[in-house]
Each structure stands twice: as C-alpha cells, then as structure tokens.
N, C-alpha and C. Protein backbone atom coordinates (compact mmCIF):
# COMPACT_ATOMS: atom_id res chain seq x y z
N MET A 1 0.75 -1.29 0.00
CA MET A 1 -0.08 -0.14 0.26
C MET A 1 0.98 1.38 -0.20
N ASN A 2 0.43 2.12 -0.73
CA ASN A 2 1.22 3.63 -0.97
C ASN A 2 1.37 4.08 0.51
N ARG A 3 2.38 4.95 0.96
CA ARG A 3 2.41 5.31 2.07
C ARG A 3 1.53 6.50 2.17
N LYS A 4 1.36 7.38 1.40
CA LYS A 4 0.27 8.39 1.43
C LYS A 4 -1.29 7.76 1.79
N ILE A 5 -1.18 6.80 0.99
CA ILE A 5 -2.82 6.08 1.15
C ILE A 5 -2.68 5.58 2.64
N LYS A 6 -1.93 4.89 3.10
CA LYS A 6 -1.76 4.45 4.34
C LYS A 6 -2.08 5.54 5.49
N GLU A 7 -1.45 6.63 5.10
CA GLU A 7 -1.59 7.77 6.31
C GLU A 7 -2.80 8.36 6.13
N GLN A 8 -3.47 8.47 4.92
CA GLN A 8 -4.96 8.86 4.78
C GLN A 8 -5.77 7.97 5.42
N CYS A 9 -5.65 6.50 5.52
CA CYS A 9 -6.44 5.50 6.08
C CYS A 9 -6.41 5.83 7.42
N ILE A 10 -5.14 5.90 7.97
CA ILE A 10 -4.87 5.92 9.50
C ILE A 10 -5.80 7.38 10.17
N TRP A 11 -5.72 8.42 9.25
CA TRP A 11 -6.49 9.49 9.76
C TRP A 11 -7.71 9.49 9.58
N PHE A 12 -8.42 8.78 8.66
CA PHE A 12 -9.83 8.50 8.47
C PHE A 12 -10.19 7.35 9.81
N PHE A 13 -9.41 6.45 10.28
CA PHE A 13 -9.68 5.71 11.37
C PHE A 13 -9.80 6.59 12.39
N TYR A 14 -8.97 7.40 12.60
CA TYR A 14 -8.85 8.54 13.81
C TYR A 14 -10.19 9.32 14.02
N ILE A 15 -10.55 9.88 13.11
CA ILE A 15 -11.48 10.88 13.03
C ILE A 15 -13.01 9.83 13.23
N ILE A 16 -12.88 8.46 12.76
CA ILE A 16 -14.12 7.71 12.84
C ILE A 16 -14.20 7.16 14.63
N GLY A 17 -12.99 6.99 15.12
CA GLY A 17 -13.09 6.59 16.45
C GLY A 17 -13.11 7.90 17.41
N ILE A 18 -12.57 9.17 16.96
CA ILE A 18 -13.34 10.31 17.72
C ILE A 18 -14.59 10.55 17.91
N PHE A 19 -15.34 10.30 16.35
CA PHE A 19 -16.78 10.37 16.35
C PHE A 19 -17.37 9.41 17.30
N PHE A 20 -17.25 8.17 17.44
CA PHE A 20 -17.62 7.30 18.48
C PHE A 20 -17.07 7.55 19.78
N ILE A 21 -16.14 8.10 20.00
CA ILE A 21 -15.84 8.63 21.60
C ILE A 21 -16.79 9.54 21.97
N ILE A 22 -16.90 10.73 21.33
CA ILE A 22 -17.70 11.75 21.71
C ILE A 22 -18.85 11.46 22.52
N PRO A 23 -19.84 10.46 21.88
CA PRO A 23 -21.16 10.28 22.75
C PRO A 23 -20.88 9.61 24.12
N ILE A 24 -19.76 8.92 24.39
CA ILE A 24 -19.37 8.34 25.55
C ILE A 24 -18.65 9.80 26.53
N ILE A 25 -18.14 10.40 26.07
CA ILE A 25 -17.72 11.40 26.92
C ILE A 25 -18.83 12.38 27.43
N SER A 26 -19.85 12.58 26.08
CA SER A 26 -20.77 13.61 26.64
C SER A 26 -21.62 12.87 27.46
N TYR A 27 -22.04 11.48 27.52
CA TYR A 27 -22.82 10.94 28.57
C TYR A 27 -22.20 11.04 29.99
N TYR A 28 -20.83 10.59 30.09
CA TYR A 28 -20.21 11.16 31.40
C TYR A 28 -20.21 12.63 31.69
N LEU A 29 -19.99 13.48 30.95
CA LEU A 29 -20.03 14.84 31.23
C LEU A 29 -21.51 15.73 31.38
N SER A 30 -22.33 14.71 30.95
CA SER A 30 -23.80 15.29 30.84
C SER A 30 -24.12 16.06 30.11
N LEU A 31 -23.44 16.20 29.01
CA LEU A 31 -23.73 17.19 27.83
C LEU A 31 -24.72 16.95 27.17
N PRO A 32 -25.55 17.82 26.56
CA PRO A 32 -26.73 17.48 25.48
C PRO A 32 -26.34 16.95 24.63
N ASP A 33 -27.13 16.08 23.63
CA ASP A 33 -26.82 15.22 22.40
C ASP A 33 -26.00 16.35 21.51
N ILE A 34 -25.00 15.69 20.80
CA ILE A 34 -24.35 16.44 19.93
C ILE A 34 -24.85 16.08 18.50
N PHE A 35 -24.90 14.75 18.36
CA PHE A 35 -25.39 14.08 17.08
C PHE A 35 -26.95 13.79 17.14
N PRO A 36 -27.47 13.55 15.93
CA PRO A 36 -28.96 13.12 16.07
C PRO A 36 -28.66 11.50 16.21
N LYS A 37 -29.71 10.99 16.86
CA LYS A 37 -29.82 9.57 17.24
C LYS A 37 -28.53 9.26 18.03
N GLN A 38 -28.13 10.09 18.85
CA GLN A 38 -26.55 9.59 19.63
C GLN A 38 -26.96 8.75 20.59
N ALA A 39 -28.08 8.61 21.27
CA ALA A 39 -28.51 7.32 22.16
C ALA A 39 -28.15 6.05 21.56
N TYR A 40 -28.50 6.02 20.33
CA TYR A 40 -28.55 4.86 19.42
C TYR A 40 -27.04 4.48 19.42
N ILE A 41 -26.18 5.55 18.69
CA ILE A 41 -24.61 5.41 18.53
C ILE A 41 -23.94 5.05 19.64
N GLN A 42 -24.38 5.78 21.04
CA GLN A 42 -23.66 5.51 22.23
C GLN A 42 -23.73 3.94 22.59
N VAL A 43 -25.12 3.65 22.82
CA VAL A 43 -25.43 2.24 23.11
C VAL A 43 -25.19 0.97 22.31
N TYR A 44 -25.27 1.16 20.89
CA TYR A 44 -25.28 0.07 20.02
C TYR A 44 -24.05 0.35 19.18
N LEU A 45 -23.25 1.09 18.91
CA LEU A 45 -22.40 1.47 17.93
C LEU A 45 -20.74 1.67 18.44
N SER A 46 -20.84 2.32 19.51
CA SER A 46 -19.54 2.95 20.30
C SER A 46 -18.75 1.81 20.37
N GLY A 47 -19.13 0.79 21.30
CA GLY A 47 -18.43 -0.17 21.99
C GLY A 47 -17.82 -1.16 20.85
N PRO A 48 -18.70 -1.67 20.10
CA PRO A 48 -18.18 -2.62 19.06
C PRO A 48 -17.26 -2.13 17.89
N ILE A 49 -17.52 -0.69 17.22
CA ILE A 49 -16.60 -0.09 16.55
C ILE A 49 -15.24 0.21 17.11
N LEU A 50 -15.35 0.92 18.42
CA LEU A 50 -14.18 1.29 18.91
C LEU A 50 -13.30 0.19 19.21
N LEU A 51 -13.63 -0.99 19.27
CA LEU A 51 -13.21 -2.28 19.43
C LEU A 51 -12.32 -2.97 18.29
N ILE A 52 -13.11 -2.73 17.17
CA ILE A 52 -12.73 -2.89 16.00
C ILE A 52 -11.92 -2.17 15.19
N LEU A 53 -12.00 -1.14 15.73
CA LEU A 53 -10.82 0.19 15.12
C LEU A 53 -9.68 -0.12 16.19
N GLY A 54 -9.74 -0.40 17.47
CA GLY A 54 -8.46 -0.52 18.33
C GLY A 54 -7.59 -1.77 17.76
N LEU A 55 -8.35 -2.71 17.49
CA LEU A 55 -7.79 -3.95 16.88
C LEU A 55 -6.85 -3.53 15.66
N PHE A 56 -7.95 -3.26 14.78
CA PHE A 56 -7.08 -2.90 13.36
C PHE A 56 -5.65 -1.66 13.34
N LEU A 57 -6.28 -0.67 14.21
CA LEU A 57 -4.96 0.19 14.47
C LEU A 57 -3.77 -0.73 15.16
N PHE A 58 -4.01 -1.10 16.04
CA PHE A 58 -3.10 -1.80 16.93
C PHE A 58 -2.29 -3.06 16.13
N PHE A 59 -2.84 -3.90 15.43
CA PHE A 59 -2.38 -4.88 14.79
C PHE A 59 -2.07 -4.50 13.11
N ASN A 60 -2.72 -4.00 12.54
CA ASN A 60 -2.57 -3.73 11.22
C ASN A 60 -1.69 -2.59 10.95
N TYR A 61 -1.76 -1.68 11.47
CA TYR A 61 -1.40 -0.46 11.31
C TYR A 61 -0.14 -0.01 12.30
N ARG A 62 0.16 -0.72 13.21
CA ARG A 62 1.10 -0.43 14.12
C ARG A 62 0.88 0.82 15.21
N LYS A 63 -0.20 1.13 15.24
CA LYS A 63 -0.15 2.54 15.97
C LYS A 63 -0.91 1.91 17.43
N LYS A 64 0.10 1.57 18.37
CA LYS A 64 0.12 0.92 19.61
C LYS A 64 -0.86 1.79 20.58
N THR A 65 -0.43 3.27 20.61
CA THR A 65 -0.92 3.86 21.68
C THR A 65 -2.73 4.24 21.11
N ILE A 66 -2.58 4.62 20.26
CA ILE A 66 -4.32 5.17 19.99
C ILE A 66 -4.97 3.88 19.64
N GLY A 67 -4.56 2.90 19.14
CA GLY A 67 -5.10 1.41 18.87
C GLY A 67 -5.51 1.15 20.34
N LEU A 68 -4.57 0.99 21.32
CA LEU A 68 -4.75 0.51 22.53
C LEU A 68 -5.86 1.20 23.50
N ILE A 69 -5.86 2.62 23.01
CA ILE A 69 -6.89 3.56 23.61
C ILE A 69 -8.12 3.16 23.09
N PHE A 70 -8.65 3.04 21.95
CA PHE A 70 -9.76 2.74 21.36
C PHE A 70 -10.12 1.40 21.77
N LEU A 71 -9.13 0.40 21.93
CA LEU A 71 -9.47 -1.14 22.20
C LEU A 71 -9.97 -0.97 23.65
N VAL A 72 -9.15 -0.63 24.48
CA VAL A 72 -9.67 -0.37 26.23
C VAL A 72 -11.00 0.19 26.23
N THR A 73 -11.01 1.31 25.35
CA THR A 73 -12.48 2.14 25.65
C THR A 73 -13.53 1.46 25.01
N GLY A 74 -13.35 0.90 23.76
CA GLY A 74 -14.75 -0.22 23.46
C GLY A 74 -14.80 -1.20 24.36
N VAL A 75 -13.90 -1.93 24.70
CA VAL A 75 -14.15 -3.08 25.80
C VAL A 75 -14.73 -2.54 27.09
N TRP A 76 -14.23 -1.54 27.73
CA TRP A 76 -14.67 -0.80 28.99
C TRP A 76 -16.14 -0.43 28.61
N TRP A 77 -16.60 0.19 27.41
CA TRP A 77 -17.69 0.55 27.08
C TRP A 77 -18.70 -0.78 27.10
N ILE A 78 -18.49 -1.56 26.42
CA ILE A 78 -19.28 -2.80 26.27
C ILE A 78 -19.58 -3.62 27.55
N PHE A 79 -18.39 -3.44 28.55
CA PHE A 79 -19.05 -4.10 29.88
C PHE A 79 -19.72 -3.17 30.96
N ASN A 80 -19.50 -1.94 30.56
CA ASN A 80 -20.67 -1.07 31.21
C ASN A 80 -21.92 -0.86 30.46
N ILE A 81 -22.10 -1.06 29.42
CA ILE A 81 -23.64 -1.52 28.99
C ILE A 81 -24.03 -2.72 29.72
N ILE A 82 -23.31 -3.75 29.48
CA ILE A 82 -23.64 -5.23 29.87
C ILE A 82 -24.04 -4.88 31.81
N TYR A 83 -23.19 -4.32 32.11
CA TYR A 83 -23.37 -4.08 33.65
C TYR A 83 -24.81 -3.29 33.91
N GLU A 84 -24.96 -2.40 33.25
CA GLU A 84 -25.99 -1.26 33.37
C GLU A 84 -27.52 -2.16 32.97
N LEU A 85 -27.06 -3.29 31.99
CA LEU A 85 -28.51 -4.17 31.66
C LEU A 85 -28.60 -4.78 32.83
N LEU A 86 -27.75 -5.41 33.37
CA LEU A 86 -28.02 -6.50 34.31
C LEU A 86 -28.45 -5.92 35.57
N THR A 87 -27.73 -4.96 35.98
CA THR A 87 -28.23 -4.41 37.54
C THR A 87 -29.65 -3.42 37.27
N LYS A 88 -30.24 -3.24 36.22
CA LYS A 88 -31.50 -2.49 35.86
C LYS A 88 -32.48 -3.45 35.91
C-alpha cells in the first residue's frame, strides 16, 4: 500500500474513532446530545466499532497507543453497557 494512502486511512480511522468516543464523553459529562440519534450510537455502535478500530490500528497499522486507547475504551464501554443491563 502506498505510504500516502496508508496515512490517509489512519487519519480516517482516527476521525471515526473520535466520532464514536464523543457520545461516551458527553454521557459522562452530562452534555446535551451533539449528534442526531446519539443514544443509539452510544449504546449500540460505540463499543463494537471502537473495539474493531482499536484492534485494526493496533495490529494492522502498528499504532499501538491510539489503538490501545480505542480498544480499551471499546471493551470498557461494552462491559459498562452489560453491567447497566444486568443491574436494572
């Protein structure tokens, strides 16, 4: 893969990751919804997509720090949702 294309792909993955971290941050900071259907994104999409992005960045692109951040955030968010469902 061309170096420029690889770099553009990495930046695209960063933007996607930030897009899916924003609903989690706004949940904990009690901010109003920024995106339409933010609750749907927050509950159903944020965890799995961050997990996949983290694995992809960590192993494919060797971006260990940001990949690990996305991976840990995704796993933590999935466990948080499961915990909420089990306790309510």
